[in-house]
Amino acid sequence: NLIIHEALRMQPATPVSRPTSAAVRITMSFMELLEKQFPVIAPSQ
């Protein structure tokens, strides 16, 4: 956590709106589903 916070100190402080936990869950499910299609290992796939 100290390493993470050291890096966060170096990030520009820009106000952002935090997505809802439901939006995060949906996005993670989408990204995981997207990645599960790869890599393409055969022309027939």
PDB file of all heavy atoms in Angstrom:
ATOM      1  N   ASN A   1       0.819  -1.213   0.000  1.00  0.00           N
ATOM      2  CA  ASN A   1       0.000   0.000   0.000  1.00  0.00           C
ATOM      3  C   ASN A   1       0.851   1.259   0.000  1.00  0.00           C
ATOM      4  O   ASN A   1       0.495   2.266  -0.635  1.00  0.00           O
ATOM      5  CB  ASN A   1      -0.935  -0.004   1.214  1.00  0.00           C
ATOM      6  CG  ASN A   1      -2.201  -0.796   0.963  1.00  0.00           C
ATOM      7  OD1 ASN A   1      -2.808  -0.699  -0.098  1.00  0.00           O
ATOM      8  ND2 ASN A   1      -2.598  -1.608   1.933  1.00  0.00           N
ATOM      9  N   LEU A   2       1.988   1.229   0.694  1.00  0.00           N
ATOM     10  CA  LEU A   2       2.879   2.386   0.684  1.00  0.00           C
ATOM     11  C   LEU A   2       3.429   2.646  -0.713  1.00  0.00           C
ATOM     12  O   LEU A   2       3.523   3.795  -1.155  1.00  0.00           O
ATOM     13  CB  LEU A   2       4.034   2.165   1.665  1.00  0.00           C
ATOM     14  CG  LEU A   2       3.715   2.376   3.143  1.00  0.00           C
ATOM     15  CD1 LEU A   2       4.890   1.932   4.015  1.00  0.00           C
ATOM     16  CD2 LEU A   2       3.382   3.848   3.423  1.00  0.00           C
ATOM     17  N   ILE A   3       3.777   1.580  -1.434  1.00  0.00           N
ATOM     18  CA  ILE A   3       4.252   1.743  -2.821  1.00  0.00           C
ATOM     19  C   ILE A   3       3.161   2.342  -3.687  1.00  0.00           C
ATOM     20  O   ILE A   3       3.399   3.261  -4.494  1.00  0.00           O
ATOM     21  CB  ILE A   3       4.723   0.386  -3.381  1.00  0.00           C
ATOM     22  CG1 ILE A   3       5.995  -0.070  -2.672  1.00  0.00           C
ATOM     23  CG2 ILE A   3       4.967   0.486  -4.896  1.00  0.00           C
ATOM     24  CD1 ILE A   3       6.433  -1.485  -3.022  1.00  0.00           C
ATOM     25  N   ILE A   4       1.932   1.832  -3.538  1.00  0.00           N
ATOM     26  CA  ILE A   4       0.808   2.354  -4.320  1.00  0.00           C
ATOM     27  C   ILE A   4       0.593   3.833  -4.020  1.00  0.00           C
ATOM     28  O   ILE A   4       0.408   4.652  -4.933  1.00  0.00           O
ATOM     29  CB  ILE A   4      -0.461   1.532  -4.029  1.00  0.00           C
ATOM     30  CG1 ILE A   4      -0.327   0.128  -4.623  1.00  0.00           C
ATOM     31  CG2 ILE A   4      -1.700   2.229  -4.600  1.00  0.00           C
ATOM     32  CD1 ILE A   4      -1.416  -0.832  -4.214  1.00  0.00           C
ATOM     33  N   HIS A   5       0.663   4.195  -2.739  1.00  0.00           N
ATOM     34  CA  HIS A   5       0.435   5.599  -2.376  1.00  0.00           C
ATOM     35  C   HIS A   5       1.583   6.502  -2.822  1.00  0.00           C
ATOM     36  O   HIS A   5       1.359   7.670  -3.166  1.00  0.00           O
ATOM     37  CB  HIS A   5       0.199   5.717  -0.876  1.00  0.00           C
ATOM     38  CG  HIS A   5      -1.183   5.299  -0.475  1.00  0.00           C
ATOM     39  ND1 HIS A   5      -2.309   6.044  -0.788  1.00  0.00           N
ATOM     40  CD2 HIS A   5      -1.638   4.201   0.183  1.00  0.00           C
ATOM     41  CE1 HIS A   5      -3.386   5.426  -0.325  1.00  0.00           C
ATOM     42  NE2 HIS A   5      -3.008   4.307   0.261  1.00  0.00           N
ATOM     43  N   GLU A   6       2.809   5.970  -2.837  1.00  0.00           N
ATOM     44  CA  GLU A   6       3.918   6.752  -3.370  1.00  0.00           C
ATOM     45  C   GLU A   6       3.672   7.093  -4.838  1.00  0.00           C
ATOM     46  O   GLU A   6       3.947   8.203  -5.292  1.00  0.00           O
ATOM     47  CB  GLU A   6       5.235   5.980  -3.222  1.00  0.00           C
ATOM     48  CG  GLU A   6       5.815   5.989  -1.830  1.00  0.00           C
ATOM     49  CD  GLU A   6       6.174   7.390  -1.365  1.00  0.00           C
ATOM     50  OE1 GLU A   6       6.793   8.145  -2.141  1.00  0.00           O
ATOM     51  OE2 GLU A   6       5.828   7.746  -0.216  1.00  0.00           O
ATOM     52  N   ALA A   7       3.156   6.109  -5.603  1.00  0.00           N
ATOM     53  CA  ALA A   7       2.858   6.350  -7.014  1.00  0.00           C
ATOM     54  C   ALA A   7       1.687   7.312  -7.169  1.00  0.00           C
ATOM     55  O   ALA A   7       1.691   8.185  -8.055  1.00  0.00           O
ATOM     56  CB  ALA A   7       2.561   5.031  -7.714  1.00  0.00           C
ATOM     57  N   LEU A   8       0.665   7.176  -6.329  1.00  0.00           N
ATOM     58  CA  LEU A   8      -0.492   8.070  -6.412  1.00  0.00           C
ATOM     59  C   LEU A   8      -0.113   9.514  -6.138  1.00  0.00           C
ATOM     60  O   LEU A   8      -0.718  10.443  -6.685  1.00  0.00           O
ATOM     61  CB  LEU A   8      -1.572   7.613  -5.427  1.00  0.00           C
ATOM     62  CG  LEU A   8      -2.328   6.340  -5.798  1.00  0.00           C
ATOM     63  CD1 LEU A   8      -3.234   5.902  -4.660  1.00  0.00           C
ATOM     64  CD2 LEU A   8      -3.137   6.539  -7.080  1.00  0.00           C
ATOM     65  N   ARG A   9       0.892   9.729  -5.277  1.00  0.00           N
ATOM     66  CA  ARG A   9       1.354  11.094  -5.017  1.00  0.00           C
ATOM     67  C   ARG A   9       1.834  11.766  -6.296  1.00  0.00           C
ATOM     68  O   ARG A   9       1.767  12.987  -6.437  1.00  0.00           O
ATOM     69  CB  ARG A   9       2.528  11.086  -4.043  1.00  0.00           C
ATOM     70  CG  ARG A   9       2.236  10.724  -2.620  1.00  0.00           C
ATOM     71  CD  ARG A   9       3.544  10.784  -1.837  1.00  0.00           C
ATOM     72  NE  ARG A   9       3.496  10.053  -0.600  1.00  0.00           N
ATOM     73  CZ  ARG A   9       3.074  10.545   0.552  1.00  0.00           C
ATOM     74  NH1 ARG A   9       2.654  11.802   0.596  1.00  0.00           N
ATOM     75  NH2 ARG A   9       3.067   9.806   1.646  1.00  0.00           N
ATOM     76  N   MET A  10       2.366  10.956  -7.208  1.00  0.00           N
ATOM     77  CA  MET A  10       2.954  11.497  -8.439  1.00  0.00           C
ATOM     78  C   MET A  10       1.911  11.730  -9.522  1.00  0.00           C
ATOM     79  O   MET A  10       2.205  12.316 -10.558  1.00  0.00           O
ATOM     80  CB  MET A  10       4.029  10.543  -8.964  1.00  0.00           C
ATOM     81  CG  MET A  10       5.085  10.188  -7.946  1.00  0.00           C
ATOM     82  SD  MET A  10       6.125   8.822  -8.530  1.00  0.00           S
ATOM     83  CE  MET A  10       6.755   8.185  -6.969  1.00  0.00           C
ATOM     84  N   GLN A  11       0.684  11.216  -9.313  1.00  0.00           N
ATOM     85  CA  GLN A  11      -0.371  11.379 -10.297  1.00  0.00           C
ATOM     86  C   GLN A  11      -0.990  12.762 -10.168  1.00  0.00           C
ATOM     87  O   GLN A  11      -1.119  13.294  -9.068  1.00  0.00           O
ATOM     88  CB  GLN A  11      -1.462  10.321 -10.101  1.00  0.00           C
ATOM     89  CG  GLN A  11      -0.971   8.895 -10.217  1.00  0.00           C
ATOM     90  CD  GLN A  11      -0.540   8.546 -11.622  1.00  0.00           C
ATOM     91  OE1 GLN A  11      -1.223   8.880 -12.578  1.00  0.00           O
ATOM     92  NE2 GLN A  11       0.593   7.889 -11.753  1.00  0.00           N
ATOM     93  N   PRO A  12      -1.372  13.402 -11.281  1.00  0.00           N
ATOM     94  CA  PRO A  12      -2.057  14.694 -11.192  1.00  0.00           C
ATOM     95  C   PRO A  12      -3.376  14.553 -10.455  1.00  0.00           C
ATOM     96  O   PRO A  12      -4.105  13.579 -10.639  1.00  0.00           O
ATOM     97  CB  PRO A  12      -2.275  15.096 -12.657  1.00  0.00           C
ATOM     98  CG  PRO A  12      -2.188  13.809 -13.417  1.00  0.00           C
ATOM     99  CD  PRO A  12      -1.224  12.948 -12.665  1.00  0.00           C
ATOM    100  N   ALA A  13      -3.669  15.505  -9.588  1.00  0.00           N
ATOM    101  CA  ALA A  13      -4.900  15.461  -8.794  1.00  0.00           C
ATOM    102  C   ALA A  13      -6.054  16.015  -9.618  1.00  0.00           C
ATOM    103  O   ALA A  13      -6.294  17.213  -9.659  1.00  0.00           O
ATOM    104  CB  ALA A  13      -4.733  16.268  -7.510  1.00  0.00           C
ATOM    105  N   THR A  14      -6.756  15.133 -10.317  1.00  0.00           N
ATOM    106  CA  THR A  14      -7.887  15.546 -11.134  1.00  0.00           C
ATOM    107  C   THR A  14      -9.160  14.990 -10.543  1.00  0.00           C
ATOM    108  O   THR A  14      -9.250  13.793 -10.266  1.00  0.00           O
ATOM    109  CB  THR A  14      -7.736  15.025 -12.586  1.00  0.00           C
ATOM    110  OG1 THR A  14      -7.545  13.611 -12.549  1.00  0.00           O
ATOM    111  CG2 THR A  14      -6.536  15.669 -13.258  1.00  0.00           C
ATOM    112  N   PRO A  15     -10.146  15.857 -10.325  1.00  0.00           N
ATOM    113  CA  PRO A  15     -11.399  15.361  -9.756  1.00  0.00           C
ATOM    114  C   PRO A  15     -12.117  14.448 -10.737  1.00  0.00           C
ATOM    115  O   PRO A  15     -12.261  14.771 -11.916  1.00  0.00           O
ATOM    116  CB  PRO A  15     -12.206  16.643  -9.517  1.00  0.00           C
ATOM    117  CG  PRO A  15     -11.632  17.638 -10.472  1.00  0.00           C
ATOM    118  CD  PRO A  15     -10.179  17.294 -10.623  1.00  0.00           C
ATOM    119  N   VAL A  16     -12.527  13.289 -10.276  1.00  0.00           N
ATOM    120  CA  VAL A  16     -13.247  12.350 -11.132  1.00  0.00           C
ATOM    121  C   VAL A  16     -14.475  11.863 -10.377  1.00  0.00           C
ATOM    122  O   VAL A  16     -14.508  11.798  -9.162  1.00  0.00           O
ATOM    123  CB  VAL A  16     -12.368  11.128 -11.506  1.00  0.00           C
ATOM    124  CG1 VAL A  16     -11.205  11.564 -12.368  1.00  0.00           C
ATOM    125  CG2 VAL A  16     -11.862  10.416 -10.252  1.00  0.00           C
ATOM    126  N   SER A  17     -15.498  11.528 -11.132  1.00  0.00           N
ATOM    127  CA  SER A  17     -16.686  10.941 -10.526  1.00  0.00           C
ATOM    128  C   SER A  17     -16.469   9.439 -10.458  1.00  0.00           C
ATOM    129  O   SER A  17     -16.039   8.828 -11.434  1.00  0.00           O
ATOM    130  CB  SER A  17     -17.926  11.258 -11.360  1.00  0.00           C
ATOM    131  OG  SER A  17     -17.787  10.761 -12.666  1.00  0.00           O
ATOM    132  N   ARG A  18     -16.714   8.829  -9.322  1.00  0.00           N
ATOM    133  CA  ARG A  18     -16.469   7.406  -9.151  1.00  0.00           C
ATOM    134  C   ARG A  18     -17.661   6.607  -9.656  1.00  0.00           C
ATOM    135  O   ARG A  18     -18.792   6.853  -9.246  1.00  0.00           O
ATOM    136  CB  ARG A  18     -16.231   7.102  -7.674  1.00  0.00           C
ATOM    137  CG  ARG A  18     -15.678   5.720  -7.444  1.00  0.00           C
ATOM    138  CD  ARG A  18     -15.165   5.591  -6.028  1.00  0.00           C
ATOM    139  NE  ARG A  18     -16.256   5.572  -5.064  1.00  0.00           N
ATOM    140  CZ  ARG A  18     -16.098   5.824  -3.776  1.00  0.00           C
ATOM    141  NH1 ARG A  18     -14.920   6.154  -3.307  1.00  0.00           N
ATOM    142  NH2 ARG A  18     -17.128   5.773  -2.951  1.00  0.00           N
ATOM    143  N   PRO A  19     -17.431   5.657 -10.546  1.00  0.00           N
ATOM    144  CA  PRO A  19     -18.537   4.841 -11.049  1.00  0.00           C
ATOM    145  C   PRO A  19     -19.157   4.030  -9.918  1.00  0.00           C
ATOM    146  O   PRO A  19     -18.529   3.757  -8.900  1.00  0.00           O
ATOM    147  CB  PRO A  19     -17.839   3.913 -12.066  1.00  0.00           C
ATOM    148  CG  PRO A  19     -16.529   4.554 -12.363  1.00  0.00           C
ATOM    149  CD  PRO A  19     -16.148   5.291 -11.122  1.00  0.00           C
ATOM    150  N   THR A  20     -20.397   3.650 -10.112  1.00  0.00           N
ATOM    151  CA  THR A  20     -21.060   2.807  -9.120  1.00  0.00           C
ATOM    152  C   THR A  20     -20.449   1.416  -9.143  1.00  0.00           C
ATOM    153  O   THR A  20     -19.858   0.992 -10.134  1.00  0.00           O
ATOM    154  CB  THR A  20     -22.556   2.691  -9.435  1.00  0.00           C
ATOM    155  OG1 THR A  20     -22.711   1.998 -10.680  1.00  0.00           O
ATOM    156  CG2 THR A  20     -23.201   4.061  -9.511  1.00  0.00           C
ATOM    157  N   SER A  21     -20.589   0.702  -8.040  1.00  0.00           N
ATOM    158  CA  SER A  21     -20.056  -0.659  -7.981  1.00  0.00           C
ATOM    159  C   SER A  21     -20.725  -1.553  -9.015  1.00  0.00           C
ATOM    160  O   SER A  21     -20.103  -2.455  -9.561  1.00  0.00           O
ATOM    161  CB  SER A  21     -20.247  -1.232  -6.577  1.00  0.00           C
ATOM    162  OG  SER A  21     -21.615  -1.218  -6.211  1.00  0.00           O
ATOM    163  N   ALA A  22     -22.009  -1.294  -9.312  1.00  0.00           N
ATOM    164  CA  ALA A  22     -22.700  -2.091 -10.332  1.00  0.00           C
ATOM    165  C   ALA A  22     -22.069  -1.872 -11.698  1.00  0.00           C
ATOM    166  O   ALA A  22     -21.867  -2.817 -12.470  1.00  0.00           O
ATOM    167  CB  ALA A  22     -24.179  -1.723 -10.369  1.00  0.00           C
ATOM    168  N   ALA A  23     -21.733  -0.617 -12.014  1.00  0.00           N
ATOM    169  CA  ALA A  23     -21.089  -0.313 -13.292  1.00  0.00           C
ATOM    170  C   ALA A  23     -19.729  -0.984 -13.384  1.00  0.00           C
ATOM    171  O   ALA A  23     -19.342  -1.502 -14.438  1.00  0.00           O
ATOM    172  CB  ALA A  23     -20.948   1.192 -13.473  1.00  0.00           C
ATOM    173  N   VAL A  24     -18.988  -0.995 -12.275  1.00  0.00           N
ATOM    174  CA  VAL A  24     -17.677  -1.646 -12.257  1.00  0.00           C
ATOM    175  C   VAL A  24     -17.829  -3.143 -12.491  1.00  0.00           C
ATOM    176  O   VAL A  24     -17.095  -3.740 -13.278  1.00  0.00           O
ATOM    177  CB  VAL A  24     -16.956  -1.375 -10.920  1.00  0.00           C
ATOM    178  CG1 VAL A  24     -15.691  -2.223 -10.815  1.00  0.00           C
ATOM    179  CG2 VAL A  24     -16.608   0.102 -10.782  1.00  0.00           C
ATOM    180  N   ARG A  25     -18.792  -3.762 -11.823  1.00  0.00           N
ATOM    181  CA  ARG A  25     -18.988  -5.202 -11.999  1.00  0.00           C
ATOM    182  C   ARG A  25     -19.356  -5.537 -13.439  1.00  0.00           C
ATOM    183  O   ARG A  25     -18.857  -6.510 -14.001  1.00  0.00           O
ATOM    184  CB  ARG A  25     -20.081  -5.701 -11.046  1.00  0.00           C
ATOM    185  CG  ARG A  25     -19.654  -5.779  -9.586  1.00  0.00           C
ATOM    186  CD  ARG A  25     -20.626  -6.612  -8.775  1.00  0.00           C
ATOM    187  NE  ARG A  25     -21.981  -6.048  -8.799  1.00  0.00           N
ATOM    188  CZ  ARG A  25     -22.443  -5.160  -7.939  1.00  0.00           C
ATOM    189  NH1 ARG A  25     -21.647  -4.703  -6.979  1.00  0.00           N
ATOM    190  NH2 ARG A  25     -23.683  -4.708  -8.021  1.00  0.00           N
ATOM    191  N   ILE A  26     -20.234  -4.748 -14.032  1.00  0.00           N
ATOM    192  CA  ILE A  26     -20.636  -4.996 -15.421  1.00  0.00           C
ATOM    193  C   ILE A  26     -19.436  -4.840 -16.355  1.00  0.00           C
ATOM    194  O   ILE A  26     -19.216  -5.661 -17.257  1.00  0.00           O
ATOM    195  CB  ILE A  26     -21.767  -4.035 -15.829  1.00  0.00           C
ATOM    196  CG1 ILE A  26     -23.060  -4.406 -15.100  1.00  0.00           C
ATOM    197  CG2 ILE A  26     -21.980  -4.055 -17.342  1.00  0.00           C
ATOM    198  CD1 ILE A  26     -24.167  -3.388 -15.265  1.00  0.00           C
ATOM    199  N   THR A  27     -18.647  -3.793 -16.120  1.00  0.00           N
ATOM    200  CA  THR A  27     -17.490  -3.548 -16.975  1.00  0.00           C
ATOM    201  C   THR A  27     -16.465  -4.650 -16.848  1.00  0.00           C
ATOM    202  O   THR A  27     -15.895  -5.118 -17.846  1.00  0.00           O
ATOM    203  CB  THR A  27     -16.846  -2.193 -16.629  1.00  0.00           C
ATOM    204  OG1 THR A  27     -17.819  -1.160 -16.788  1.00  0.00           O
ATOM    205  CG2 THR A  27     -15.661  -1.906 -17.538  1.00  0.00           C
ATOM    206  N   MET A  28     -16.218  -5.099 -15.617  1.00  0.00           N
ATOM    207  CA  MET A  28     -15.259  -6.182 -15.425  1.00  0.00           C
ATOM    208  C   MET A  28     -15.744  -7.473 -16.089  1.00  0.00           C
ATOM    209  O   MET A  28     -14.962  -8.207 -16.685  1.00  0.00           O
ATOM    210  CB  MET A  28     -15.024  -6.430 -13.936  1.00  0.00           C
ATOM    211  CG  MET A  28     -14.319  -5.292 -13.205  1.00  0.00           C
ATOM    212  SD  MET A  28     -12.781  -4.779 -14.009  1.00  0.00           S
ATOM    213  CE  MET A  28     -13.325  -3.292 -14.866  1.00  0.00           C
ATOM    214  N   SER A  29     -17.037  -7.725 -16.011  1.00  0.00           N
ATOM    215  CA  SER A  29     -17.600  -8.922 -16.660  1.00  0.00           C
ATOM    216  C   SER A  29     -17.439  -8.819 -18.168  1.00  0.00           C
ATOM    217  O   SER A  29     -17.095  -9.805 -18.841  1.00  0.00           O
ATOM    218  CB  SER A  29     -19.078  -9.072 -16.293  1.00  0.00           C
ATOM    219  OG  SER A  29     -19.243  -9.307 -14.914  1.00  0.00           O
ATOM    220  N   PHE A  30     -17.684  -7.620 -18.707  1.00  0.00           N
ATOM    221  CA  PHE A  30     -17.517  -7.417 -20.147  1.00  0.00           C
ATOM    222  C   PHE A  30     -16.059  -7.606 -20.563  1.00  0.00           C
ATOM    223  O   PHE A  30     -15.760  -8.315 -21.537  1.00  0.00           O
ATOM    224  CB  PHE A  30     -17.994  -6.021 -20.546  1.00  0.00           C
ATOM    225  CG  PHE A  30     -17.444  -5.554 -21.867  1.00  0.00           C
ATOM    226  CD1 PHE A  30     -17.874  -6.133 -23.052  1.00  0.00           C
ATOM    227  CD2 PHE A  30     -16.477  -4.556 -21.922  1.00  0.00           C
ATOM    228  CE1 PHE A  30     -17.352  -5.724 -24.283  1.00  0.00           C
ATOM    229  CE2 PHE A  30     -15.953  -4.144 -23.125  1.00  0.00           C
ATOM    230  CZ  PHE A  30     -16.386  -4.718 -24.305  1.00  0.00           C
ATOM    231  N   MET A  31     -15.119  -6.978 -19.811  1.00  0.00           N
ATOM    232  CA  MET A  31     -13.712  -7.066 -20.178  1.00  0.00           C
ATOM    233  C   MET A  31     -13.197  -8.505 -20.079  1.00  0.00           C
ATOM    234  O   MET A  31     -12.420  -8.959 -20.923  1.00  0.00           O
ATOM    235  CB  MET A  31     -12.879  -6.151 -19.277  1.00  0.00           C
ATOM    236  CG  MET A  31     -13.190  -4.669 -19.429  1.00  0.00           C
ATOM    237  SD  MET A  31     -12.929  -4.034 -21.102  1.00  0.00           S
ATOM    238  CE  MET A  31     -11.166  -4.230 -21.297  1.00  0.00           C
ATOM    239  N   GLU A  32     -13.649  -9.218 -19.060  1.00  0.00           N
ATOM    240  CA  GLU A  32     -13.240 -10.609 -18.915  1.00  0.00           C
ATOM    241  C   GLU A  32     -13.790 -11.458 -20.052  1.00  0.00           C
ATOM    242  O   GLU A  32     -13.089 -12.308 -20.610  1.00  0.00           O
ATOM    243  CB  GLU A  32     -13.705 -11.160 -17.574  1.00  0.00           C
ATOM    244  CG  GLU A  32     -13.217 -12.569 -17.298  1.00  0.00           C
ATOM    245  CD  GLU A  32     -13.525 -13.027 -15.889  1.00  0.00           C
ATOM    246  OE1 GLU A  32     -14.162 -12.269 -15.127  1.00  0.00           O
ATOM    247  OE2 GLU A  32     -13.121 -14.153 -15.547  1.00  0.00           O
ATOM    248  N   LEU A  33     -15.036 -11.213 -20.435  1.00  0.00           N
ATOM    249  CA  LEU A  33     -15.642 -11.947 -21.540  1.00  0.00           C
ATOM    250  C   LEU A  33     -14.925 -11.630 -22.852  1.00  0.00           C
ATOM    251  O   LEU A  33     -14.697 -12.524 -23.682  1.00  0.00           O
ATOM    252  CB  LEU A  33     -17.124 -11.575 -21.633  1.00  0.00           C
ATOM    253  CG  LEU A  33     -18.015 -12.424 -22.541  1.00  0.00           C
ATOM    254  CD1 LEU A  33     -17.984 -13.889 -22.125  1.00  0.00           C
ATOM    255  CD2 LEU A  33     -19.446 -11.888 -22.500  1.00  0.00           C
ATOM    256  N   LEU A  34     -14.566 -10.361 -23.024  1.00  0.00           N
ATOM    257  CA  LEU A  34     -13.828  -9.959 -24.219  1.00  0.00           C
ATOM    258  C   LEU A  34     -12.492 -10.686 -24.297  1.00  0.00           C
ATOM    259  O   LEU A  34     -12.129 -11.247 -25.342  1.00  0.00           O
ATOM    260  CB  LEU A  34     -13.610  -8.439 -24.203  1.00  0.00           C
ATOM    261  CG  LEU A  34     -12.762  -7.839 -25.325  1.00  0.00           C
ATOM    262  CD1 LEU A  34     -13.427  -8.060 -26.686  1.00  0.00           C
ATOM    263  CD2 LEU A  34     -12.535  -6.346 -25.088  1.00  0.00           C
ATOM    264  N   GLU A  35     -11.752 -10.713 -23.180  1.00  0.00           N
ATOM    265  CA  GLU A  35     -10.432 -11.331 -23.186  1.00  0.00           C
ATOM    266  C   GLU A  35     -10.498 -12.842 -23.351  1.00  0.00           C
ATOM    267  O   GLU A  35      -9.559 -13.454 -23.868  1.00  0.00           O
ATOM    268  CB  GLU A  35      -9.672 -10.972 -21.910  1.00  0.00           C
ATOM    269  CG  GLU A  35      -9.149  -9.553 -21.886  1.00  0.00           C
ATOM    270  CD  GLU A  35      -8.207  -9.256 -23.040  1.00  0.00           C
ATOM    271  OE1 GLU A  35      -7.499 -10.179 -23.498  1.00  0.00           O
ATOM    272  OE2 GLU A  35      -8.189  -8.105 -23.507  1.00  0.00           O
ATOM    273  N   LYS A  36     -11.609 -13.459 -22.912  1.00  0.00           N
ATOM    274  CA  LYS A  36     -11.731 -14.910 -23.032  1.00  0.00           C
ATOM    275  C   LYS A  36     -11.796 -15.360 -24.485  1.00  0.00           C
ATOM    276  O   LYS A  36     -11.580 -16.539 -24.779  1.00  0.00           O
ATOM    277  CB  LYS A  36     -12.972 -15.395 -22.280  1.00  0.00           C
ATOM    278  CG  LYS A  36     -12.777 -15.510 -20.776  1.00  0.00           C
ATOM    279  CD  LYS A  36     -14.011 -16.061 -20.094  1.00  0.00           C
ATOM    280  CE  LYS A  36     -13.782 -16.241 -18.600  1.00  0.00           C
ATOM    281  NZ  LYS A  36     -14.996 -16.746 -17.911  1.00  0.00           N
ATOM    282  N   GLN A  37     -12.075 -14.453 -25.385  1.00  0.00           N
ATOM    283  CA  GLN A  37     -12.120 -14.818 -26.805  1.00  0.00           C
ATOM    284  C   GLN A  37     -10.723 -14.911 -27.414  1.00  0.00           C
ATOM    285  O   GLN A  37     -10.580 -15.353 -28.554  1.00  0.00           O
ATOM    286  CB  GLN A  37     -12.952 -13.801 -27.579  1.00  0.00           C
ATOM    287  CG  GLN A  37     -14.416 -13.794 -27.196  1.00  0.00           C
ATOM    288  CD  GLN A  37     -15.258 -13.326 -28.360  1.00  0.00           C
ATOM    289  OE1 GLN A  37     -15.774 -14.106 -29.149  1.00  0.00           O
ATOM    290  NE2 GLN A  37     -15.368 -12.013 -28.478  1.00  0.00           N
ATOM    291  N   PHE A  38      -9.717 -14.480 -26.667  1.00  0.00           N
ATOM    292  CA  PHE A  38      -8.355 -14.424 -27.178  1.00  0.00           C
ATOM    293  C   PHE A  38      -7.425 -15.215 -26.258  1.00  0.00           C
ATOM    294  O   PHE A  38      -7.727 -15.417 -25.094  1.00  0.00           O
ATOM    295  CB  PHE A  38      -7.909 -12.959 -27.278  1.00  0.00           C
ATOM    296  CG  PHE A  38      -8.807 -12.124 -28.135  1.00  0.00           C
ATOM    297  CD1 PHE A  38      -9.819 -11.359 -27.555  1.00  0.00           C
ATOM    298  CD2 PHE A  38      -8.653 -12.099 -29.512  1.00  0.00           C
ATOM    299  CE1 PHE A  38     -10.660 -10.591 -28.336  1.00  0.00           C
ATOM    300  CE2 PHE A  38      -9.488 -11.330 -30.299  1.00  0.00           C
ATOM    301  CZ  PHE A  38     -10.496 -10.577 -29.706  1.00  0.00           C
ATOM    302  N   PRO A  39      -6.266 -15.650 -26.776  1.00  0.00           N
ATOM    303  CA  PRO A  39      -5.800 -15.474 -28.143  1.00  0.00           C
ATOM    304  C   PRO A  39      -6.495 -16.412 -29.123  1.00  0.00           C
ATOM    305  O   PRO A  39      -7.005 -17.461 -28.724  1.00  0.00           O
ATOM    306  CB  PRO A  39      -4.312 -15.815 -28.044  1.00  0.00           C
ATOM    307  CG  PRO A  39      -4.256 -16.818 -26.935  1.00  0.00           C
ATOM    308  CD  PRO A  39      -5.295 -16.371 -25.938  1.00  0.00           C
ATOM    309  N   VAL A  40      -6.502 -16.032 -30.389  1.00  0.00           N
ATOM    310  CA  VAL A  40      -7.008 -16.898 -31.455  1.00  0.00           C
ATOM    311  C   VAL A  40      -5.875 -17.844 -31.829  1.00  0.00           C
ATOM    312  O   VAL A  40      -4.797 -17.400 -32.234  1.00  0.00           O
ATOM    313  CB  VAL A  40      -7.446 -16.066 -32.674  1.00  0.00           C
ATOM    314  CG1 VAL A  40      -7.876 -16.974 -33.815  1.00  0.00           C
ATOM    315  CG2 VAL A  40      -8.566 -15.108 -32.288  1.00  0.00           C
ATOM    316  N   ILE A  41      -6.085 -19.132 -31.668  1.00  0.00           N
ATOM    317  CA  ILE A  41      -4.981 -20.089 -31.818  1.00  0.00           C
ATOM    318  C   ILE A  41      -5.054 -20.916 -33.093  1.00  0.00           C
ATOM    319  O   ILE A  41      -4.127 -21.662 -33.390  1.00  0.00           O
ATOM    320  CB  ILE A  41      -4.914 -21.030 -30.596  1.00  0.00           C
ATOM    321  CG1 ILE A  41      -6.220 -21.807 -30.456  1.00  0.00           C
ATOM    322  CG2 ILE A  41      -4.594 -20.254 -29.329  1.00  0.00           C
ATOM    323  CD1 ILE A  41      -6.192 -22.842 -29.339  1.00  0.00           C
ATOM    324  N   ALA A  42      -6.138 -20.805 -33.850  1.00  0.00           N
ATOM    325  CA  ALA A  42      -6.259 -21.579 -35.085  1.00  0.00           C
ATOM    326  C   ALA A  42      -7.170 -20.830 -36.049  1.00  0.00           C
ATOM    327  O   ALA A  42      -8.116 -20.157 -35.620  1.00  0.00           O
ATOM    328  CB  ALA A  42      -6.819 -22.971 -34.804  1.00  0.00           C
ATOM    329  N   PRO A  43      -6.905 -20.928 -37.350  1.00  0.00           N
ATOM    330  CA  PRO A  43      -7.763 -20.245 -38.329  1.00  0.00           C
ATOM    331  C   PRO A  43      -9.222 -20.679 -38.256  1.00  0.00           C
ATOM    332  O   PRO A  43     -10.114 -19.911 -38.612  1.00  0.00           O
ATOM    333  CB  PRO A  43      -7.136 -20.645 -39.675  1.00  0.00           C
ATOM    334  CG  PRO A  43      -5.721 -20.982 -39.365  1.00  0.00           C
ATOM    335  CD  PRO A  43      -5.754 -21.597 -37.987  1.00  0.00           C
ATOM    336  N   SER A  44      -9.453 -21.893 -37.777  1.00  0.00           N
ATOM    337  CA  SER A  44     -10.826 -22.388 -37.686  1.00  0.00           C
ATOM    338  C   SER A  44     -11.575 -21.844 -36.477  1.00  0.00           C
ATOM    339  O   SER A  44     -12.783 -22.049 -36.341  1.00  0.00           O
ATOM    340  CB  SER A  44     -10.815 -23.923 -37.618  1.00  0.00           C
ATOM    341  OG  SER A  44     -10.067 -24.367 -36.493  1.00  0.00           O
ATOM    342  N   GLN A  45     -10.865 -21.157 -35.586  1.00  0.00           N
ATOM    343  CA  GLN A  45     -11.477 -20.611 -34.369  1.00  0.00           C
ATOM    344  C   GLN A  45     -11.969 -19.201 -34.640  1.00  0.00           C
ATOM    345  O   GLN A  45     -11.213 -18.247 -34.633  1.00  0.00           O
ATOM    346  CB  GLN A  45     -10.460 -20.577 -33.221  1.00  0.00           C
ATOM    347  CG  GLN A  45     -10.986 -19.914 -31.950  1.00  0.00           C
ATOM    348  CD  GLN A  45      -9.892 -19.607 -30.958  1.00  0.00           C
ATOM    349  OE1 GLN A  45      -8.790 -20.134 -31.045  1.00  0.00           O
ATOM    350  NE2 GLN A  45     -10.196 -18.726 -30.021  1.00  0.00           N
TER     351      GLN A  45
END
